[in-house]
Amino acid sequence: MGAQPFEGEPCRWTLVEKDWTAHLELDREDLRVTWHQTGRPDRHCSLPYGLPRADVDAAIQAGP
């Protein structure tokens, strides 16, 4: 997807798109996503690891 890891933190990644940025954090039981978009409140989502990768990719790419 093109996400970049935080330096020194292998469980945290950032995905930058044209209109928004997503911060991804690998947690014990799920993948936590926070979308940032200028002028809008942050949106949060937790995606369980049991979901198919295609569904996780689609959810993240759908953006805020």
PDB file of N, CA and C in Angstrom:
ATOM      1  N   MET A   1       0.818  -1.205   0.000  1.00  0.00           N
ATOM      2  CA  MET A   1       0.000   0.000   0.000  1.00  0.00           C
ATOM      3  C   MET A   1       0.856   1.260   0.000  1.00  0.00           C
ATOM      4  N   GLY A   2       2.126   1.122   0.291  1.00  0.00           N
ATOM      5  CA  GLY A   2       3.003   2.279   0.272  1.00  0.00           C
ATOM      6  C   GLY A   2       3.184   2.953   1.618  1.00  0.00           C
ATOM      7  N   ALA A   3       2.745   2.323   2.690  1.00  0.00           N
ATOM      8  CA  ALA A   3       2.923   2.909   4.030  1.00  0.00           C
ATOM      9  C   ALA A   3       4.396   2.879   4.408  1.00  0.00           C
ATOM     10  N   GLN A   4       4.801   3.852   5.194  1.00  0.00           N
ATOM     11  CA  GLN A   4       6.185   3.969   5.643  1.00  0.00           C
ATOM     12  C   GLN A   4       6.244   3.751   7.145  1.00  0.00           C
ATOM     13  N   PRO A   5       7.230   2.973   7.630  1.00  0.00           N
ATOM     14  CA  PRO A   5       7.332   2.732   9.076  1.00  0.00           C
ATOM     15  C   PRO A   5       7.854   3.963   9.814  1.00  0.00           C
ATOM     16  N   PHE A   6       7.411   4.103  11.074  1.00  0.00           N
ATOM     17  CA  PHE A   6       7.992   5.104  11.958  1.00  0.00           C
ATOM     18  C   PHE A   6       9.398   4.630  12.278  1.00  0.00           C
ATOM     19  N   GLU A   7      10.337   5.529  12.329  1.00  0.00           N
ATOM     20  CA  GLU A   7      11.716   5.148  12.636  1.00  0.00           C
ATOM     21  C   GLU A   7      11.808   4.586  14.050  1.00  0.00           C
ATOM     22  N   GLY A   8      12.356   3.386  14.168  1.00  0.00           N
ATOM     23  CA  GLY A   8      12.547   2.753  15.468  1.00  0.00           C
ATOM     24  C   GLY A   8      11.302   2.155  16.082  1.00  0.00           C
ATOM     25  N   GLU A   9      10.165   2.179  15.360  1.00  0.00           N
ATOM     26  CA  GLU A   9       8.913   1.628  15.887  1.00  0.00           C
ATOM     27  C   GLU A   9       8.287   0.726  14.826  1.00  0.00           C
ATOM     28  N   PRO A  10       8.667  -0.552  14.799  1.00  0.00           N
ATOM     29  CA  PRO A  10       8.207  -1.443  13.738  1.00  0.00           C
ATOM     30  C   PRO A  10       6.707  -1.738  13.743  1.00  0.00           C
ATOM     31  N   CYS A  11       6.002  -1.372  14.794  1.00  0.00           N
ATOM     32  CA  CYS A  11       4.559  -1.618  14.865  1.00  0.00           C
ATOM     33  C   CYS A  11       3.730  -0.405  14.465  1.00  0.00           C
ATOM     34  N   ARG A  12       4.386   0.671  14.037  1.00  0.00           N
ATOM     35  CA  ARG A  12       3.660   1.890  13.648  1.00  0.00           C
ATOM     36  C   ARG A  12       4.064   2.296  12.243  1.00  0.00           C
ATOM     37  N   TRP A  13       3.057   2.619  11.427  1.00  0.00           N
ATOM     38  CA  TRP A  13       3.269   2.977  10.030  1.00  0.00           C
ATOM     39  C   TRP A  13       2.418   4.196   9.673  1.00  0.00           C
ATOM     40  N   THR A  14       2.817   4.916   8.633  1.00  0.00           N
ATOM     41  CA  THR A  14       2.053   6.051   8.131  1.00  0.00           C
ATOM     42  C   THR A  14       1.813   5.873   6.640  1.00  0.00           C
ATOM     43  N   LEU A  15       0.578   6.082   6.239  1.00  0.00           N
ATOM     44  CA  LEU A  15       0.198   6.037   4.833  1.00  0.00           C
ATOM     45  C   LEU A  15      -0.276   7.429   4.446  1.00  0.00           C
ATOM     46  N   VAL A  16       0.379   8.017   3.450  1.00  0.00           N
ATOM     47  CA  VAL A  16       0.033   9.375   3.019  1.00  0.00           C
ATOM     48  C   VAL A  16      -0.649   9.295   1.660  1.00  0.00           C
ATOM     49  N   GLU A  17      -1.856   9.819   1.598  1.00  0.00           N
ATOM     50  CA  GLU A  17      -2.618   9.921   0.357  1.00  0.00           C
ATOM     51  C   GLU A  17      -2.817  11.397   0.037  1.00  0.00           C
ATOM     52  N   LYS A  18      -3.397  11.688  -1.097  1.00  0.00           N
ATOM     53  CA  LYS A  18      -3.563  13.077  -1.542  1.00  0.00           C
ATOM     54  C   LYS A  18      -4.365  13.920  -0.545  1.00  0.00           C
ATOM     55  N   ASP A  19      -5.492  13.393  -0.066  1.00  0.00           N
ATOM     56  CA  ASP A  19      -6.402  14.179   0.766  1.00  0.00           C
ATOM     57  C   ASP A  19      -6.392  13.812   2.241  1.00  0.00           C
ATOM     58  N   TRP A  20      -5.651  12.764   2.621  1.00  0.00           N
ATOM     59  CA  TRP A  20      -5.652  12.333   4.009  1.00  0.00           C
ATOM     60  C   TRP A  20      -4.386  11.529   4.323  1.00  0.00           C
ATOM     61  N   THR A  21      -4.154  11.349   5.612  1.00  0.00           N
ATOM     62  CA  THR A  21      -3.041  10.541   6.116  1.00  0.00           C
ATOM     63  C   THR A  21      -3.613   9.535   7.102  1.00  0.00           C
ATOM     64  N   ALA A  22      -3.106   8.309   7.057  1.00  0.00           N
ATOM     65  CA  ALA A  22      -3.542   7.285   8.003  1.00  0.00           C
ATOM     66  C   ALA A  22      -2.345   6.827   8.833  1.00  0.00           C
ATOM     67  N   HIS A  23      -2.547   6.701  10.126  1.00  0.00           N
ATOM     68  CA  HIS A  23      -1.548   6.126  11.015  1.00  0.00           C
ATOM     69  C   HIS A  23      -2.032   4.725  11.372  1.00  0.00           C
ATOM     70  N   LEU A  24      -1.187   3.739  11.137  1.00  0.00           N
ATOM     71  CA  LEU A  24      -1.514   2.342  11.382  1.00  0.00           C
ATOM     72  C   LEU A  24      -0.683   1.854  12.556  1.00  0.00           C
ATOM     73  N   GLU A  25      -1.318   1.165  13.477  1.00  0.00           N
ATOM     74  CA  GLU A  25      -0.608   0.633  14.634  1.00  0.00           C
ATOM     75  C   GLU A  25      -1.004  -0.818  14.853  1.00  0.00           C
ATOM     76  N   LEU A  26       0.002  -1.686  14.823  1.00  0.00           N
ATOM     77  CA  LEU A  26      -0.224  -3.108  15.081  1.00  0.00           C
ATOM     78  C   LEU A  26      -0.317  -3.300  16.582  1.00  0.00           C
ATOM     79  N   ASP A  27      -1.471  -3.745  17.033  1.00  0.00           N
ATOM     80  CA  ASP A  27      -1.711  -3.969  18.456  1.00  0.00           C
ATOM     81  C   ASP A  27      -1.756  -5.479  18.693  1.00  0.00           C
ATOM     82  N   ARG A  28      -2.001  -5.887  19.907  1.00  0.00           N
ATOM     83  CA  ARG A  28      -2.018  -7.324  20.221  1.00  0.00           C
ATOM     84  C   ARG A  28      -3.111  -8.079  19.480  1.00  0.00           C
ATOM     85  N   GLU A  29      -4.299  -7.500  19.419  1.00  0.00           N
ATOM     86  CA  GLU A  29      -5.438  -8.219  18.848  1.00  0.00           C
ATOM     87  C   GLU A  29      -6.000  -7.617  17.571  1.00  0.00           C
ATOM     88  N   ASP A  30      -5.526  -6.436  17.194  1.00  0.00           N
ATOM     89  CA  ASP A  30      -6.073  -5.822  16.000  1.00  0.00           C
ATOM     90  C   ASP A  30      -5.125  -4.774  15.431  1.00  0.00           C
ATOM     91  N   LEU A  31      -5.504  -4.285  14.262  1.00  0.00           N
ATOM     92  CA  LEU A  31      -4.799  -3.199  13.606  1.00  0.00           C
ATOM     93  C   LEU A  31      -5.618  -1.942  13.850  1.00  0.00           C
ATOM     94  N   ARG A  32      -5.014  -0.966  14.498  1.00  0.00           N
ATOM     95  CA  ARG A  32      -5.727   0.284  14.757  1.00  0.00           C
ATOM     96  C   ARG A  32      -5.340   1.308  13.693  1.00  0.00           C
ATOM     97  N   VAL A  33      -6.344   1.964  13.144  1.00  0.00           N
ATOM     98  CA  VAL A  33      -6.142   2.948  12.085  1.00  0.00           C
ATOM     99  C   VAL A  33      -6.738   4.274  12.535  1.00  0.00           C
ATOM    100  N   THR A  34      -5.978   5.335  12.341  1.00  0.00           N
ATOM    101  CA  THR A  34      -6.470   6.684  12.596  1.00  0.00           C
ATOM    102  C   THR A  34      -6.229   7.496  11.336  1.00  0.00           C
ATOM    103  N   TRP A  35      -7.307   8.033  10.770  1.00  0.00           N
ATOM    104  CA  TRP A  35      -7.201   8.870   9.581  1.00  0.00           C
ATOM    105  C   TRP A  35      -7.207  10.330   9.992  1.00  0.00           C
ATOM    106  N   HIS A  36      -6.332  11.112   9.389  1.00  0.00           N
ATOM    107  CA  HIS A  36      -6.264  12.551   9.617  1.00  0.00           C
ATOM    108  C   HIS A  36      -6.571  13.242   8.285  1.00  0.00           C
ATOM    109  N   GLN A  37      -7.472  14.214   8.365  1.00  0.00           N
ATOM    110  CA  GLN A  37      -7.822  14.988   7.179  1.00  0.00           C
ATOM    111  C   GLN A  37      -7.995  16.432   7.619  1.00  0.00           C
ATOM    112  N   THR A  38      -7.340  17.342   6.925  1.00  0.00           N
ATOM    113  CA  THR A  38      -7.387  18.751   7.287  1.00  0.00           C
ATOM    114  C   THR A  38      -8.822  19.255   7.358  1.00  0.00           C
ATOM    115  N   GLY A  39      -9.141  19.932   8.470  1.00  0.00           N
ATOM    116  CA  GLY A  39     -10.453  20.527   8.644  1.00  0.00           C
ATOM    117  C   GLY A  39     -11.538  19.570   9.107  1.00  0.00           C
ATOM    118  N   ARG A  40     -11.192  18.326   9.390  1.00  0.00           N
ATOM    119  CA  ARG A  40     -12.178  17.333   9.843  1.00  0.00           C
ATOM    120  C   ARG A  40     -11.657  16.642  11.100  1.00  0.00           C
ATOM    121  N   PRO A  41     -12.563  16.143  11.923  1.00  0.00           N
ATOM    122  CA  PRO A  41     -12.106  15.380  13.098  1.00  0.00           C
ATOM    123  C   PRO A  41     -11.450  14.064  12.664  1.00  0.00           C
ATOM    124  N   ASP A  42     -10.509  13.598  13.459  1.00  0.00           N
ATOM    125  CA  ASP A  42      -9.873  12.313  13.185  1.00  0.00           C
ATOM    126  C   ASP A  42     -10.902  11.193  13.257  1.00  0.00           C
ATOM    127  N   ARG A  43     -10.713  10.167  12.428  1.00  0.00           N
ATOM    128  CA  ARG A  43     -11.568   8.975  12.460  1.00  0.00           C
ATOM    129  C   ARG A  43     -10.714   7.794  12.880  1.00  0.00           C
ATOM    130  N   HIS A  44     -11.290   6.924  13.679  1.00  0.00           N
ATOM    131  CA  HIS A  44     -10.577   5.768  14.215  1.00  0.00           C
ATOM    132  C   HIS A  44     -11.308   4.484  13.844  1.00  0.00           C
ATOM    133  N   CYS A  45     -10.528   3.423  13.686  1.00  0.00           N
ATOM    134  CA  CYS A  45     -11.096   2.124  13.358  1.00  0.00           C
ATOM    135  C   CYS A  45     -10.146   1.042  13.864  1.00  0.00           C
ATOM    136  N   SER A  46     -10.699  -0.056  14.349  1.00  0.00           N
ATOM    137  CA  SER A  46      -9.907  -1.221  14.734  1.00  0.00           C
ATOM    138  C   SER A  46     -10.322  -2.384  13.846  1.00  0.00           C
ATOM    139  N   LEU A  47      -9.345  -3.001  13.211  1.00  0.00           N
ATOM    140  CA  LEU A  47      -9.607  -4.104  12.294  1.00  0.00           C
ATOM    141  C   LEU A  47      -8.970  -5.367  12.863  1.00  0.00           C
ATOM    142  N   PRO A  48      -9.771  -6.412  13.132  1.00  0.00           N
ATOM    143  CA  PRO A  48      -9.206  -7.639  13.698  1.00  0.00           C
ATOM    144  C   PRO A  48      -8.283  -8.325  12.690  1.00  0.00           C
ATOM    145  N   TYR A  49      -7.277  -8.993  13.210  1.00  0.00           N
ATOM    146  CA  TYR A  49      -6.313  -9.690  12.356  1.00  0.00           C
ATOM    147  C   TYR A  49      -6.944 -10.829  11.559  1.00  0.00           C
ATOM    148  N   GLY A  50      -8.100 -11.315  11.957  1.00  0.00           N
ATOM    149  CA  GLY A  50      -8.756 -12.416  11.259  1.00  0.00           C
ATOM    150  C   GLY A  50      -9.392 -12.026   9.934  1.00  0.00           C
ATOM    151  N   LEU A  51      -9.507 -10.734   9.648  1.00  0.00           N
ATOM    152  CA  LEU A  51     -10.100 -10.296   8.379  1.00  0.00           C
ATOM    153  C   LEU A  51      -9.166 -10.627   7.219  1.00  0.00           C
ATOM    154  N   PRO A  52      -9.720 -10.938   6.065  1.00  0.00           N
ATOM    155  CA  PRO A  52      -8.865 -11.151   4.888  1.00  0.00           C
ATOM    156  C   PRO A  52      -8.113  -9.865   4.530  1.00  0.00           C
ATOM    157  N   ARG A  53      -6.904 -10.027   4.036  1.00  0.00           N
ATOM    158  CA  ARG A  53      -6.070  -8.865   3.719  1.00  0.00           C
ATOM    159  C   ARG A  53      -6.761  -7.913   2.743  1.00  0.00           C
ATOM    160  N   ALA A  54      -7.455  -8.449   1.769  1.00  0.00           N
ATOM    161  CA  ALA A  54      -8.145  -7.595   0.793  1.00  0.00           C
ATOM    162  C   ALA A  54      -9.164  -6.693   1.485  1.00  0.00           C
ATOM    163  N   ASP A  55      -9.862  -7.210   2.491  1.00  0.00           N
ATOM    164  CA  ASP A  55     -10.839  -6.406   3.227  1.00  0.00           C
ATOM    165  C   ASP A  55     -10.149  -5.318   4.053  1.00  0.00           C
ATOM    166  N   VAL A  56      -9.018  -5.659   4.657  1.00  0.00           N
ATOM    167  CA  VAL A  56      -8.263  -4.673   5.445  1.00  0.00           C
ATOM    168  C   VAL A  56      -7.747  -3.574   4.527  1.00  0.00           C
ATOM    169  N   ASP A  57      -7.144  -3.954   3.395  1.00  0.00           N
ATOM    170  CA  ASP A  57      -6.646  -2.969   2.432  1.00  0.00           C
ATOM    171  C   ASP A  57      -7.767  -2.051   1.956  1.00  0.00           C
ATOM    172  N   ALA A  58      -8.917  -2.631   1.641  1.00  0.00           N
ATOM    173  CA  ALA A  58     -10.046  -1.842   1.147  1.00  0.00           C
ATOM    174  C   ALA A  58     -10.543  -0.872   2.211  1.00  0.00           C
ATOM    175  N   ALA A  59     -10.602  -1.324   3.465  1.00  0.00           N
ATOM    176  CA  ALA A  59     -11.068  -0.455   4.546  1.00  0.00           C
ATOM    177  C   ALA A  59     -10.111   0.720   4.747  1.00  0.00           C
ATOM    178  N   ILE A  60      -8.827   0.453   4.708  1.00  0.00           N
ATOM    179  CA  ILE A  60      -7.857   1.521   4.905  1.00  0.00           C
ATOM    180  C   ILE A  60      -7.890   2.491   3.735  1.00  0.00           C
ATOM    181  N   GLN A  61      -7.898   1.962   2.514  1.00  0.00           N
ATOM    182  CA  GLN A  61      -7.884   2.808   1.325  1.00  0.00           C
ATOM    183  C   GLN A  61      -9.172   3.614   1.142  1.00  0.00           C
ATOM    184  N   ALA A  62     -10.269   3.171   1.764  1.00  0.00           N
ATOM    185  CA  ALA A  62     -11.519   3.929   1.669  1.00  0.00           C
ATOM    186  C   ALA A  62     -11.368   5.298   2.334  1.00  0.00           C
ATOM    187  N   GLY A  63     -10.421   5.369   3.266  1.00  0.00           N
ATOM    188  CA  GLY A  63     -10.133   6.642   3.922  1.00  0.00           C
ATOM    189  C   GLY A  63     -11.232   7.079   4.868  1.00  0.00           C
ATOM    190  N   PRO A  64     -11.060   8.309   5.322  1.00  0.00           N
ATOM    191  CA  PRO A  64     -12.034   8.809   6.312  1.00  0.00           C
ATOM    192  C   PRO A  64     -13.349   9.052   5.661  1.00  0.00           C
TER     193      PRO A  64
END
